[in-house]
Amino acid sequence: MTAHASYPVRVDARLDDHLSRWLWLVKWFLAIPHFVVLTFLWVAYVVLSTVAFFAILFTGHYPKRIFEFNVGVMRWTWRVQYYTFGALGTDRYPPFTLAEVPDYPAHLEIAYPERLSRGLVLVKWWLLAIPHYILIGFFLGGAWAGWHFGGLISVLAVIAALALAFTGRYPRSLFDLVIGLNRWVLRVGAYAGLMTDEYPPFRLDMGGSDFDEGSG
């Protein structure tokens, strides 16, 4: 993967060396407890994002505890996506936590913004992000509590599952593409969630490692 410029949203993933040929058939079922919990967490996310909106509008600051909670919700969702049909990149069951888990193969980090534009908060999450919404709608299709279905990402994950079933291997080029698409979605999610003023790039940064320019 070509090194790219730094962006405040970092998405990393590591493909398991030995994935089960058939576990993917039941991962959606095994993940139901996560879907239930995430449903409530996302309700809290929406409420707290509304609070953050007004805090940014009047003070230019995103309350740090709300920021950490909302990043945690996105992180938890990403781990569930990675386990299920957002990637199928691991057989390790996702932990029930908002915190970063260093040894889990999927990671999300968002740099805390010391200050945010009070004007941009009025338009970035709906008007400015519309071109990205059109694209990621195609990537995601339908989505519920961390589970994508009907979009490009889930279709590619199913292709990977079939490759696993018949060959025992997850094609590396397909994995890189799936992670690149998820990375794009998460960057837009952070921007729409008011966590950064830096506009998401229209760029598909593929591969499991999300690193800054000049590293790697």
N, C-alpha and C. Protein backbone atom coordinates (compact mmCIF):
# COMPACT_ATOMS: atom_id res chain seq x y z
N MET A 1 0.85 -1.21 0.00
CA MET A 1 0.00 0.00 0.00
C MET A 1 0.87 1.24 0.00
N THR A 2 0.47 2.22 -0.77
CA THR A 2 1.22 3.47 -0.83
C THR A 2 0.96 4.31 0.38
N ALA A 3 2.02 4.91 0.94
CA ALA A 3 1.86 5.77 2.11
C ALA A 3 1.00 6.97 1.74
N HIS A 4 0.15 7.39 2.66
CA HIS A 4 -0.72 8.51 2.39
C HIS A 4 -0.62 9.54 3.51
N ALA A 5 -1.15 10.73 3.22
CA ALA A 5 -1.07 11.81 4.19
C ALA A 5 -1.87 11.48 5.44
N SER A 6 -1.45 12.07 6.53
CA SER A 6 -2.11 11.82 7.81
C SER A 6 -3.56 12.29 7.78
N TYR A 7 -4.45 11.49 8.37
CA TYR A 7 -5.83 11.87 8.56
C TYR A 7 -6.18 11.52 10.00
N PRO A 8 -7.00 12.33 10.67
CA PRO A 8 -7.22 12.12 12.11
C PRO A 8 -8.00 10.86 12.47
N VAL A 9 -8.51 10.15 11.49
CA VAL A 9 -9.20 8.88 11.73
C VAL A 9 -8.31 7.75 11.23
N ARG A 10 -7.93 6.87 12.13
CA ARG A 10 -7.03 5.77 11.77
C ARG A 10 -7.77 4.44 11.92
N VAL A 11 -7.77 3.66 10.86
CA VAL A 11 -8.44 2.37 10.83
C VAL A 11 -7.44 1.30 10.44
N ASP A 12 -7.22 0.35 11.34
CA ASP A 12 -6.28 -0.74 11.07
C ASP A 12 -6.97 -2.09 11.22
N ALA A 13 -6.50 -3.06 10.49
CA ALA A 13 -7.05 -4.41 10.60
C ALA A 13 -5.98 -5.43 10.22
N ARG A 14 -6.03 -6.56 10.89
CA ARG A 14 -5.08 -7.65 10.61
C ARG A 14 -5.87 -8.90 10.27
N LEU A 15 -5.61 -9.46 9.12
CA LEU A 15 -6.30 -10.66 8.67
C LEU A 15 -5.79 -11.88 9.42
N ASP A 16 -6.71 -12.67 9.99
CA ASP A 16 -6.31 -13.90 10.68
C ASP A 16 -5.58 -14.83 9.72
N ASP A 17 -4.55 -15.48 10.22
CA ASP A 17 -3.78 -16.41 9.38
C ASP A 17 -4.59 -17.64 8.99
N HIS A 18 -5.40 -18.13 9.91
CA HIS A 18 -6.16 -19.36 9.65
C HIS A 18 -7.62 -19.13 10.00
N LEU A 19 -8.41 -18.83 8.97
CA LEU A 19 -9.83 -18.60 9.16
C LEU A 19 -10.61 -19.89 8.91
N SER A 20 -11.65 -20.10 9.70
CA SER A 20 -12.50 -21.27 9.50
C SER A 20 -13.18 -21.22 8.13
N ARG A 21 -13.30 -22.34 7.49
CA ARG A 21 -13.98 -22.41 6.19
C ARG A 21 -15.48 -22.16 6.33
N TRP A 22 -16.05 -22.46 7.51
CA TRP A 22 -17.51 -22.48 7.62
C TRP A 22 -18.08 -21.62 8.74
N LEU A 23 -17.26 -21.07 9.62
CA LEU A 23 -17.78 -20.29 10.73
C LEU A 23 -18.58 -19.08 10.25
N TRP A 24 -18.22 -18.55 9.10
CA TRP A 24 -18.91 -17.37 8.58
C TRP A 24 -20.41 -17.60 8.41
N LEU A 25 -20.82 -18.86 8.27
CA LEU A 25 -22.24 -19.17 8.10
C LEU A 25 -23.07 -18.79 9.32
N VAL A 26 -22.45 -18.78 10.50
CA VAL A 26 -23.21 -18.53 11.73
C VAL A 26 -22.75 -17.28 12.47
N LYS A 27 -21.78 -16.56 11.93
CA LYS A 27 -21.30 -15.37 12.65
C LYS A 27 -22.40 -14.34 12.88
N TRP A 28 -23.30 -14.19 11.93
CA TRP A 28 -24.40 -13.24 12.11
C TRP A 28 -25.24 -13.62 13.33
N PHE A 29 -25.41 -14.94 13.54
CA PHE A 29 -26.19 -15.42 14.69
C PHE A 29 -25.41 -15.23 15.98
N LEU A 30 -24.13 -15.57 15.95
CA LEU A 30 -23.31 -15.44 17.15
C LEU A 30 -23.18 -13.99 17.60
N ALA A 31 -23.29 -13.07 16.65
CA ALA A 31 -23.12 -11.65 16.96
C ALA A 31 -24.40 -10.97 17.42
N ILE A 32 -25.51 -11.69 17.50
CA ILE A 32 -26.78 -11.07 17.90
C ILE A 32 -26.68 -10.32 19.23
N PRO A 33 -26.01 -10.86 20.26
CA PRO A 33 -25.88 -10.06 21.50
C PRO A 33 -25.24 -8.70 21.26
N HIS A 34 -24.26 -8.65 20.36
CA HIS A 34 -23.64 -7.36 20.03
C HIS A 34 -24.64 -6.44 19.34
N PHE A 35 -25.42 -6.97 18.41
CA PHE A 35 -26.39 -6.15 17.70
C PHE A 35 -27.39 -5.52 18.66
N VAL A 36 -27.80 -6.29 19.66
CA VAL A 36 -28.75 -5.78 20.65
C VAL A 36 -28.13 -4.64 21.45
N VAL A 37 -26.92 -4.88 21.96
CA VAL A 37 -26.25 -3.85 22.76
C VAL A 37 -25.97 -2.61 21.91
N LEU A 38 -25.52 -2.82 20.68
CA LEU A 38 -25.18 -1.69 19.82
C LEU A 38 -26.40 -0.86 19.45
N THR A 39 -27.56 -1.49 19.38
CA THR A 39 -28.78 -0.72 19.13
C THR A 39 -28.97 0.36 20.19
N PHE A 40 -28.80 -0.01 21.45
CA PHE A 40 -28.93 0.96 22.54
C PHE A 40 -27.77 1.96 22.56
N LEU A 41 -26.58 1.48 22.25
CA LEU A 41 -25.43 2.37 22.23
C LEU A 41 -25.58 3.44 21.15
N TRP A 42 -26.13 3.06 20.01
CA TRP A 42 -26.29 4.04 18.94
C TRP A 42 -27.38 5.06 19.25
N VAL A 43 -28.39 4.64 20.01
CA VAL A 43 -29.39 5.62 20.48
C VAL A 43 -28.69 6.65 21.37
N ALA A 44 -27.84 6.17 22.28
CA ALA A 44 -27.08 7.08 23.15
C ALA A 44 -26.15 7.95 22.32
N TYR A 45 -25.54 7.37 21.29
CA TYR A 45 -24.63 8.11 20.40
C TYR A 45 -25.36 9.30 19.77
N VAL A 46 -26.56 9.07 19.27
CA VAL A 46 -27.33 10.14 18.62
C VAL A 46 -27.67 11.24 19.62
N VAL A 47 -28.11 10.85 20.80
CA VAL A 47 -28.46 11.85 21.83
C VAL A 47 -27.23 12.67 22.22
N LEU A 48 -26.12 11.98 22.48
CA LEU A 48 -24.91 12.68 22.91
C LEU A 48 -24.31 13.51 21.78
N SER A 49 -24.47 13.07 20.54
CA SER A 49 -23.99 13.87 19.41
C SER A 49 -24.77 15.17 19.30
N THR A 50 -26.04 15.13 19.65
CA THR A 50 -26.84 16.35 19.67
C THR A 50 -26.33 17.32 20.74
N VAL A 51 -26.00 16.77 21.90
CA VAL A 51 -25.40 17.59 22.96
C VAL A 51 -24.08 18.18 22.48
N ALA A 52 -23.26 17.34 21.84
CA ALA A 52 -21.96 17.80 21.33
C ALA A 52 -22.14 18.89 20.28
N PHE A 53 -23.17 18.77 19.44
CA PHE A 53 -23.45 19.77 18.41
C PHE A 53 -23.60 21.16 19.04
N PHE A 54 -24.41 21.24 20.08
CA PHE A 54 -24.64 22.54 20.71
C PHE A 54 -23.40 23.02 21.47
N ALA A 55 -22.66 22.07 22.05
CA ALA A 55 -21.43 22.45 22.73
C ALA A 55 -20.43 23.06 21.75
N ILE A 56 -20.30 22.44 20.59
CA ILE A 56 -19.39 22.96 19.57
C ILE A 56 -19.89 24.30 19.04
N LEU A 57 -21.20 24.40 18.82
CA LEU A 57 -21.78 25.63 18.28
C LEU A 57 -21.52 26.83 19.19
N PHE A 58 -21.58 26.61 20.49
CA PHE A 58 -21.45 27.72 21.43
C PHE A 58 -20.04 27.90 21.99
N THR A 59 -19.24 26.82 22.00
CA THR A 59 -17.91 26.91 22.63
C THR A 59 -16.76 26.56 21.70
N GLY A 60 -17.05 25.86 20.60
CA GLY A 60 -15.97 25.43 19.72
C GLY A 60 -15.25 24.18 20.21
N HIS A 61 -15.80 23.54 21.24
CA HIS A 61 -15.16 22.35 21.80
C HIS A 61 -16.14 21.17 21.83
N TYR A 62 -15.61 20.00 21.54
CA TYR A 62 -16.37 18.76 21.64
C TYR A 62 -16.11 18.20 23.04
N PRO A 63 -17.13 18.09 23.91
CA PRO A 63 -16.89 17.58 25.27
C PRO A 63 -16.13 16.25 25.23
N LYS A 64 -15.01 16.19 25.94
CA LYS A 64 -14.10 15.07 25.77
C LYS A 64 -14.72 13.73 26.18
N ARG A 65 -15.49 13.71 27.25
CA ARG A 65 -16.07 12.44 27.68
C ARG A 65 -17.10 11.94 26.67
N ILE A 66 -17.85 12.86 26.09
CA ILE A 66 -18.80 12.46 25.05
C ILE A 66 -18.03 11.97 23.83
N PHE A 67 -16.95 12.66 23.48
CA PHE A 67 -16.11 12.25 22.36
C PHE A 67 -15.60 10.83 22.56
N GLU A 68 -15.08 10.54 23.74
CA GLU A 68 -14.52 9.22 24.01
C GLU A 68 -15.60 8.15 23.96
N PHE A 69 -16.79 8.46 24.47
CA PHE A 69 -17.89 7.50 24.39
C PHE A 69 -18.28 7.23 22.94
N ASN A 70 -18.44 8.30 22.16
CA ASN A 70 -18.88 8.13 20.77
C ASN A 70 -17.84 7.41 19.92
N VAL A 71 -16.56 7.71 20.16
CA VAL A 71 -15.51 6.95 19.47
C VAL A 71 -15.59 5.48 19.87
N GLY A 72 -15.86 5.24 21.15
CA GLY A 72 -15.99 3.86 21.62
C GLY A 72 -17.12 3.12 20.92
N VAL A 73 -18.24 3.79 20.69
CA VAL A 73 -19.35 3.16 19.98
C VAL A 73 -18.94 2.81 18.55
N MET A 74 -18.27 3.73 17.89
CA MET A 74 -17.80 3.47 16.53
C MET A 74 -16.77 2.33 16.52
N ARG A 75 -15.90 2.32 17.52
CA ARG A 75 -14.87 1.27 17.62
C ARG A 75 -15.51 -0.11 17.82
N TRP A 76 -16.47 -0.17 18.73
CA TRP A 76 -17.18 -1.43 19.00
C TRP A 76 -17.88 -1.91 17.73
N THR A 77 -18.54 -0.97 17.04
CA THR A 77 -19.22 -1.31 15.80
C THR A 77 -18.26 -1.83 14.75
N TRP A 78 -17.10 -1.20 14.64
CA TRP A 78 -16.10 -1.63 13.67
C TRP A 78 -15.62 -3.05 13.96
N ARG A 79 -15.41 -3.36 15.23
CA ARG A 79 -15.00 -4.72 15.57
C ARG A 79 -16.05 -5.74 15.18
N VAL A 80 -17.33 -5.42 15.41
CA VAL A 80 -18.41 -6.33 15.04
C VAL A 80 -18.51 -6.45 13.52
N GLN A 81 -18.37 -5.34 12.82
CA GLN A 81 -18.35 -5.37 11.37
C GLN A 81 -17.22 -6.27 10.86
N TYR A 82 -16.07 -6.12 11.48
CA TYR A 82 -14.90 -6.88 11.04
C TYR A 82 -15.10 -8.38 11.24
N TYR A 83 -15.75 -8.75 12.32
CA TYR A 83 -16.03 -10.15 12.63
C TYR A 83 -17.11 -10.71 11.70
N THR A 84 -18.14 -9.90 11.40
CA THR A 84 -19.26 -10.36 10.60
C THR A 84 -19.09 -9.91 9.14
N PHE A 85 -20.19 -9.55 8.51
CA PHE A 85 -20.16 -9.34 7.07
C PHE A 85 -19.74 -7.95 6.64
N GLY A 86 -19.06 -7.22 7.54
CA GLY A 86 -18.38 -6.01 7.13
C GLY A 86 -16.99 -6.31 6.61
N ALA A 87 -16.49 -7.53 6.93
CA ALA A 87 -15.15 -7.93 6.46
C ALA A 87 -14.92 -9.44 6.57
N LEU A 88 -15.43 -10.08 7.64
CA LEU A 88 -15.15 -11.51 7.89
C LEU A 88 -13.66 -11.76 8.03
N GLY A 89 -12.95 -10.79 8.63
CA GLY A 89 -11.49 -10.87 8.67
C GLY A 89 -10.92 -11.60 9.87
N THR A 90 -11.78 -12.00 10.82
CA THR A 90 -11.29 -12.70 12.00
C THR A 90 -12.35 -13.66 12.50
N ASP A 91 -11.89 -14.72 13.16
CA ASP A 91 -12.79 -15.64 13.85
C ASP A 91 -12.83 -15.36 15.34
N ARG A 92 -12.08 -14.39 15.79
CA ARG A 92 -12.05 -14.06 17.21
C ARG A 92 -13.28 -13.22 17.57
N TYR A 93 -14.02 -13.68 18.55
CA TYR A 93 -15.27 -13.01 18.92
C TYR A 93 -14.97 -11.61 19.47
N PRO A 94 -15.74 -10.60 19.04
CA PRO A 94 -15.47 -9.22 19.49
C PRO A 94 -15.71 -9.06 20.99
N PRO A 95 -14.89 -8.28 21.66
CA PRO A 95 -15.09 -8.00 23.09
C PRO A 95 -16.24 -7.02 23.29
N PHE A 96 -16.90 -7.13 24.44
CA PHE A 96 -17.98 -6.21 24.79
C PHE A 96 -17.37 -5.03 25.54
N THR A 97 -16.81 -4.09 24.82
CA THR A 97 -16.20 -2.93 25.45
C THR A 97 -16.08 -1.78 24.47
N LEU A 98 -16.17 -0.56 25.01
CA LEU A 98 -15.95 0.64 24.21
C LEU A 98 -14.47 0.95 24.06
N ALA A 99 -13.66 0.36 24.93
CA ALA A 99 -12.23 0.68 24.98
C ALA A 99 -11.47 0.02 23.84
N GLU A 100 -10.32 0.57 23.54
CA GLU A 100 -9.40 -0.05 22.60
C GLU A 100 -8.88 -1.35 23.20
N VAL A 101 -8.83 -2.39 22.39
CA VAL A 101 -8.29 -3.69 22.80
C VAL A 101 -7.07 -3.96 21.91
N PRO A 102 -5.86 -3.74 22.44
CA PRO A 102 -4.67 -3.76 21.59
C PRO A 102 -4.44 -5.06 20.82
N ASP A 103 -4.83 -6.20 21.40
CA ASP A 103 -4.55 -7.45 20.71
C ASP A 103 -5.69 -7.94 19.83
N TYR A 104 -6.78 -7.16 19.73
CA TYR A 104 -7.84 -7.54 18.78
C TYR A 104 -7.41 -7.09 17.38
N PRO A 105 -7.76 -7.85 16.35
CA PRO A 105 -7.23 -7.54 15.01
C PRO A 105 -7.86 -6.37 14.28
N ALA A 106 -8.84 -5.69 14.87
CA ALA A 106 -9.43 -4.51 14.23
C ALA A 106 -9.35 -3.33 15.18
N HIS A 107 -8.90 -2.18 14.68
CA HIS A 107 -8.67 -1.01 15.53
C HIS A 107 -9.23 0.25 14.88
N LEU A 108 -9.71 1.15 15.74
CA LEU A 108 -10.15 2.47 15.29
C LEU A 108 -9.67 3.50 16.30
N GLU A 109 -8.97 4.51 15.81
CA GLU A 109 -8.53 5.62 16.64
C GLU A 109 -8.90 6.93 15.95
N ILE A 110 -9.42 7.88 16.73
CA ILE A 110 -9.75 9.20 16.21
C ILE A 110 -9.10 10.24 17.10
N ALA A 111 -8.27 11.07 16.53
CA ALA A 111 -7.56 12.09 17.30
C ALA A 111 -8.55 13.12 17.85
N TYR A 112 -8.42 13.41 19.14
CA TYR A 112 -9.32 14.39 19.75
C TYR A 112 -8.99 15.80 19.24
N PRO A 113 -9.99 16.52 18.74
CA PRO A 113 -9.74 17.89 18.24
C PRO A 113 -9.77 18.89 19.38
N GLU A 114 -8.71 19.65 19.53
CA GLU A 114 -8.68 20.64 20.60
C GLU A 114 -9.69 21.76 20.35
N ARG A 115 -9.95 22.03 19.09
CA ARG A 115 -10.92 23.08 18.76
C ARG A 115 -11.58 22.74 17.42
N LEU A 116 -12.87 23.04 17.32
CA LEU A 116 -13.63 22.79 16.10
C LEU A 116 -14.33 24.07 15.66
N SER A 117 -14.56 24.20 14.36
CA SER A 117 -15.23 25.38 13.81
C SER A 117 -16.69 25.44 14.27
N ARG A 118 -17.08 26.58 14.78
CA ARG A 118 -18.47 26.76 15.21
C ARG A 118 -19.39 26.95 14.02
N GLY A 119 -18.85 27.41 12.90
CA GLY A 119 -19.67 27.58 11.70
C GLY A 119 -19.86 26.28 10.94
N LEU A 120 -18.76 25.52 10.79
CA LEU A 120 -18.85 24.27 10.04
C LEU A 120 -19.82 23.27 10.65
N VAL A 121 -19.97 23.32 11.98
CA VAL A 121 -20.83 22.35 12.64
C VAL A 121 -22.27 22.44 12.14
N LEU A 122 -22.63 23.58 11.57
CA LEU A 122 -23.99 23.77 11.07
C LEU A 122 -24.24 23.08 9.74
N VAL A 123 -23.17 22.81 8.98
CA VAL A 123 -23.37 22.33 7.61
C VAL A 123 -22.60 21.06 7.26
N LYS A 124 -21.57 20.73 8.00
CA LYS A 124 -20.70 19.64 7.52
C LYS A 124 -21.37 18.28 7.59
N TRP A 125 -22.21 18.06 8.62
CA TRP A 125 -22.78 16.73 8.83
C TRP A 125 -23.91 16.41 7.88
N TRP A 126 -24.44 17.42 7.18
CA TRP A 126 -25.51 17.11 6.21
C TRP A 126 -25.17 17.63 4.82
N LEU A 127 -24.93 18.93 4.68
CA LEU A 127 -24.73 19.50 3.35
C LEU A 127 -23.38 19.10 2.75
N LEU A 128 -22.29 19.38 3.47
CA LEU A 128 -20.96 19.14 2.91
C LEU A 128 -20.68 17.65 2.70
N ALA A 129 -21.30 16.81 3.51
CA ALA A 129 -21.02 15.38 3.43
C ALA A 129 -21.88 14.65 2.40
N ILE A 130 -22.79 15.34 1.73
CA ILE A 130 -23.70 14.66 0.80
C ILE A 130 -22.98 13.84 -0.27
N PRO A 131 -21.92 14.36 -0.92
CA PRO A 131 -21.24 13.52 -1.92
C PRO A 131 -20.71 12.21 -1.33
N HIS A 132 -20.21 12.27 -0.11
CA HIS A 132 -19.74 11.04 0.53
C HIS A 132 -20.91 10.11 0.89
N TYR A 133 -22.01 10.68 1.33
CA TYR A 133 -23.18 9.86 1.67
C TYR A 133 -23.64 9.04 0.46
N ILE A 134 -23.61 9.66 -0.69
CA ILE A 134 -24.03 8.94 -1.91
C ILE A 134 -23.12 7.73 -2.15
N LEU A 135 -21.83 7.95 -2.00
CA LEU A 135 -20.87 6.87 -2.22
C LEU A 135 -20.98 5.77 -1.17
N ILE A 136 -21.00 6.16 0.11
CA ILE A 136 -21.01 5.12 1.13
C ILE A 136 -22.36 4.42 1.21
N GLY A 137 -23.41 5.06 0.70
CA GLY A 137 -24.68 4.34 0.59
C GLY A 137 -24.54 3.15 -0.34
N PHE A 138 -23.77 3.33 -1.40
CA PHE A 138 -23.47 2.23 -2.32
C PHE A 138 -22.58 1.19 -1.65
N PHE A 139 -21.63 1.65 -0.85
CA PHE A 139 -20.73 0.72 -0.15
C PHE A 139 -21.48 -0.14 0.87
N LEU A 140 -22.43 0.50 1.59
CA LEU A 140 -23.05 -0.15 2.75
C LEU A 140 -24.36 -0.86 2.44
N GLY A 141 -25.16 -0.32 1.54
CA GLY A 141 -26.51 -0.85 1.38
C GLY A 141 -27.29 -0.56 2.64
N GLY A 142 -27.97 -1.57 3.18
CA GLY A 142 -28.64 -1.43 4.47
C GLY A 142 -27.68 -1.70 5.59
N ALA A 143 -27.97 -1.17 6.78
CA ALA A 143 -27.12 -1.40 7.93
C ALA A 143 -27.95 -1.36 9.20
N TRP A 144 -27.60 -2.25 10.13
CA TRP A 144 -28.26 -2.24 11.43
C TRP A 144 -27.28 -2.69 12.50
N ALA A 145 -27.04 -1.82 13.48
CA ALA A 145 -26.24 -2.15 14.66
C ALA A 145 -24.91 -2.80 14.30
N GLY A 146 -24.26 -2.28 13.27
CA GLY A 146 -22.94 -2.79 12.93
C GLY A 146 -22.94 -3.86 11.86
N TRP A 147 -24.12 -4.25 11.35
CA TRP A 147 -24.18 -5.29 10.33
C TRP A 147 -24.61 -4.67 9.01
N HIS A 148 -23.77 -4.79 8.00
CA HIS A 148 -24.09 -4.29 6.67
C HIS A 148 -24.73 -5.40 5.86
N PHE A 149 -25.66 -5.02 4.98
CA PHE A 149 -26.22 -6.02 4.09
C PHE A 149 -26.71 -5.35 2.82
N GLY A 150 -26.45 -5.99 1.70
CA GLY A 150 -26.95 -5.52 0.42
C GLY A 150 -26.05 -4.53 -0.30
N GLY A 151 -24.99 -4.05 0.34
CA GLY A 151 -24.09 -3.10 -0.30
C GLY A 151 -22.84 -3.79 -0.84
N LEU A 152 -21.97 -2.99 -1.44
CA LEU A 152 -20.76 -3.53 -2.04
C LEU A 152 -19.89 -4.25 -1.02
N ILE A 153 -19.75 -3.69 0.18
CA ILE A 153 -18.89 -4.31 1.18
C ILE A 153 -19.38 -5.71 1.54
N SER A 154 -20.67 -5.85 1.79
CA SER A 154 -21.19 -7.17 2.16
C SER A 154 -21.11 -8.15 1.00
N VAL A 155 -21.29 -7.67 -0.22
CA VAL A 155 -21.15 -8.55 -1.39
C VAL A 155 -19.71 -9.07 -1.49
N LEU A 156 -18.74 -8.18 -1.30
CA LEU A 156 -17.34 -8.59 -1.34
C LEU A 156 -17.02 -9.56 -0.21
N ALA A 157 -17.62 -9.34 0.97
CA ALA A 157 -17.41 -10.25 2.09
C ALA A 157 -17.96 -11.63 1.79
N VAL A 158 -19.10 -11.70 1.13
CA VAL A 158 -19.67 -12.99 0.74
C VAL A 158 -18.76 -13.70 -0.26
N ILE A 159 -18.20 -12.95 -1.20
CA ILE A 159 -17.24 -13.54 -2.15
C ILE A 159 -16.04 -14.10 -1.41
N ALA A 160 -15.56 -13.34 -0.41
CA ALA A 160 -14.45 -13.83 0.40
C ALA A 160 -14.83 -15.09 1.16
N ALA A 161 -16.08 -15.14 1.66
CA ALA A 161 -16.55 -16.32 2.38
C ALA A 161 -16.57 -17.55 1.47
N LEU A 162 -17.01 -17.36 0.26
CA LEU A 162 -17.04 -18.48 -0.69
C LEU A 162 -15.62 -18.94 -1.03
N ALA A 163 -14.71 -17.97 -1.15
CA ALA A 163 -13.31 -18.34 -1.37
C ALA A 163 -12.77 -19.15 -0.20
N LEU A 164 -13.13 -18.74 1.01
CA LEU A 164 -12.72 -19.49 2.20
C LEU A 164 -13.27 -20.91 2.16
N ALA A 165 -14.55 -21.03 1.80
CA ALA A 165 -15.19 -22.34 1.80
C ALA A 165 -14.54 -23.30 0.81
N PHE A 166 -14.15 -22.79 -0.34
CA PHE A 166 -13.64 -23.67 -1.39
C PHE A 166 -12.12 -23.79 -1.43
N THR A 167 -11.43 -22.78 -0.91
CA THR A 167 -9.96 -22.81 -1.00
C THR A 167 -9.29 -22.75 0.37
N GLY A 168 -10.04 -22.35 1.41
CA GLY A 168 -9.44 -22.19 2.72
C GLY A 168 -8.64 -20.92 2.87
N ARG A 169 -8.73 -20.02 1.90
CA ARG A 169 -7.95 -18.78 1.93
C ARG A 169 -8.83 -17.57 1.64
N TYR A 170 -8.52 -16.45 2.28
CA TYR A 170 -9.17 -15.17 2.03
C TYR A 170 -8.25 -14.41 1.07
N PRO A 171 -8.67 -14.17 -0.17
CA PRO A 171 -7.78 -13.49 -1.13
C PRO A 171 -7.29 -12.15 -0.59
N ARG A 172 -5.99 -11.97 -0.58
CA ARG A 172 -5.41 -10.78 0.04
C ARG A 172 -5.85 -9.50 -0.67
N SER A 173 -5.93 -9.51 -1.98
CA SER A 173 -6.33 -8.31 -2.71
C SER A 173 -7.78 -7.94 -2.37
N LEU A 174 -8.61 -8.94 -2.17
CA LEU A 174 -10.00 -8.69 -1.80
C LEU A 174 -10.07 -8.12 -0.38
N PHE A 175 -9.27 -8.65 0.53
CA PHE A 175 -9.21 -8.12 1.89
C PHE A 175 -8.79 -6.65 1.88
N ASP A 176 -7.75 -6.32 1.11
CA ASP A 176 -7.28 -4.94 1.05
C ASP A 176 -8.38 -3.99 0.57
N LEU A 177 -9.15 -4.44 -0.42
CA LEU A 177 -10.24 -3.62 -0.94
C LEU A 177 -11.35 -3.44 0.10
N VAL A 178 -11.73 -4.53 0.77
CA VAL A 178 -12.78 -4.46 1.79
C VAL A 178 -12.38 -3.50 2.91
N ILE A 179 -11.14 -3.58 3.36
CA ILE A 179 -10.69 -2.68 4.43
C ILE A 179 -10.65 -1.24 3.93
N GLY A 180 -10.23 -1.03 2.71
CA GLY A 180 -10.21 0.32 2.15
C GLY A 180 -11.60 0.95 2.12
N LEU A 181 -12.59 0.16 1.74
CA LEU A 181 -13.97 0.67 1.71
C LEU A 181 -14.47 0.98 3.12
N ASN A 182 -14.18 0.08 4.06
CA ASN A 182 -14.58 0.33 5.45
C ASN A 182 -13.88 1.56 6.02
N ARG A 183 -12.61 1.74 5.65
CA ARG A 183 -11.87 2.91 6.12
C ARG A 183 -12.53 4.19 5.63
N TRP A 184 -12.95 4.19 4.37
CA TRP A 184 -13.65 5.35 3.80
C TRP A 184 -14.93 5.64 4.60
N VAL A 185 -15.71 4.59 4.88
CA VAL A 185 -16.96 4.75 5.62
C VAL A 185 -16.71 5.32 7.02
N LEU A 186 -15.71 4.81 7.71
CA LEU A 186 -15.44 5.27 9.07
C LEU A 186 -14.92 6.70 9.10
N ARG A 187 -14.16 7.10 8.11
CA ARG A 187 -13.72 8.50 8.03
C ARG A 187 -14.92 9.43 7.87
N VAL A 188 -15.83 9.04 6.98
CA VAL A 188 -17.03 9.86 6.79
C VAL A 188 -17.88 9.86 8.06
N GLY A 189 -17.95 8.70 8.73
CA GLY A 189 -18.71 8.63 9.97
C GLY A 189 -18.17 9.58 11.03
N ALA A 190 -16.87 9.67 11.14
CA ALA A 190 -16.27 10.58 12.11
C ALA A 190 -16.52 12.03 11.74
N TYR A 191 -16.46 12.34 10.46
CA TYR A 191 -16.73 13.71 10.01
C TYR A 191 -18.19 14.08 10.26
N ALA A 192 -19.10 13.19 9.89
CA ALA A 192 -20.52 13.43 10.11
C ALA A 192 -20.86 13.46 11.59
N GLY A 193 -20.08 12.74 12.40
CA GLY A 193 -20.27 12.75 13.84
C GLY A 193 -19.63 13.94 14.52
N LEU A 194 -19.15 14.91 13.73
CA LEU A 194 -18.61 16.18 14.22
C LEU A 194 -17.27 16.03 14.94
N MET A 195 -16.57 14.92 14.72
CA MET A 195 -15.34 14.63 15.45
C MET A 195 -14.11 15.27 14.82
N THR A 196 -14.24 15.75 13.61
CA THR A 196 -13.13 16.41 12.94
C THR A 196 -13.68 17.41 11.94
N ASP A 197 -12.92 18.48 11.69
CA ASP A 197 -13.27 19.44 10.65
C ASP A 197 -12.57 19.11 9.33
N GLU A 198 -11.68 18.15 9.36
CA GLU A 198 -10.92 17.82 8.15
C GLU A 198 -11.78 16.96 7.23
N TYR A 199 -12.03 17.49 6.04
CA TYR A 199 -12.93 16.81 5.11
C TYR A 199 -12.35 15.46 4.68
N PRO A 200 -13.17 14.41 4.68
CA PRO A 200 -12.66 13.09 4.28
C PRO A 200 -12.17 13.11 2.84
N PRO A 201 -11.04 12.49 2.58
CA PRO A 201 -10.52 12.46 1.21
C PRO A 201 -11.34 11.53 0.32
N PHE A 202 -11.49 11.90 -0.94
CA PHE A 202 -12.09 11.00 -1.92
C PHE A 202 -10.98 10.09 -2.44
N ARG A 203 -10.63 9.13 -1.60
CA ARG A 203 -9.46 8.31 -1.89
C ARG A 203 -9.66 6.95 -1.23
N LEU A 204 -9.39 5.91 -1.98
CA LEU A 204 -9.51 4.55 -1.46
C LEU A 204 -8.14 4.08 -0.98
N ASP A 205 -7.90 4.21 0.32
CA ASP A 205 -6.64 3.76 0.92
C ASP A 205 -6.81 2.30 1.34
N MET A 206 -6.32 1.42 0.52
CA MET A 206 -6.55 0.00 0.74
C MET A 206 -5.50 -0.60 1.65
N GLY A 207 -5.80 -1.79 2.17
CA GLY A 207 -4.85 -2.51 3.00
C GLY A 207 -5.17 -2.40 4.47
N GLY A 208 -4.62 -3.31 5.25
CA GLY A 208 -4.93 -3.38 6.66
C GLY A 208 -4.26 -2.32 7.51
N SER A 209 -3.14 -1.78 7.05
CA SER A 209 -2.38 -0.81 7.85
C SER A 209 -2.69 0.60 7.39
N ASP A 210 -3.14 1.42 8.32
CA ASP A 210 -3.45 2.82 8.06
C ASP A 210 -2.33 3.65 8.66
N PHE A 211 -1.36 4.06 7.84
CA PHE A 211 -0.20 4.75 8.37
C PHE A 211 -0.01 6.09 7.72
N ASP A 212 0.75 6.93 8.41
CA ASP A 212 1.00 8.29 7.94
C ASP A 212 2.08 8.31 6.88
N GLU A 213 2.06 9.38 6.11
CA GLU A 213 3.07 9.59 5.07
C GLU A 213 4.46 9.60 5.68
N GLY A 214 5.33 8.81 5.05
CA GLY A 214 6.70 8.76 5.51
C GLY A 214 6.96 7.59 6.44
N SER A 215 5.89 6.88 6.87
CA SER A 215 6.08 5.71 7.71
C SER A 215 5.92 4.46 6.89
N GLY A 216 6.24 3.31 7.47
CA GLY A 216 6.08 2.04 6.77
C GLY A 216 7.07 1.92 5.65
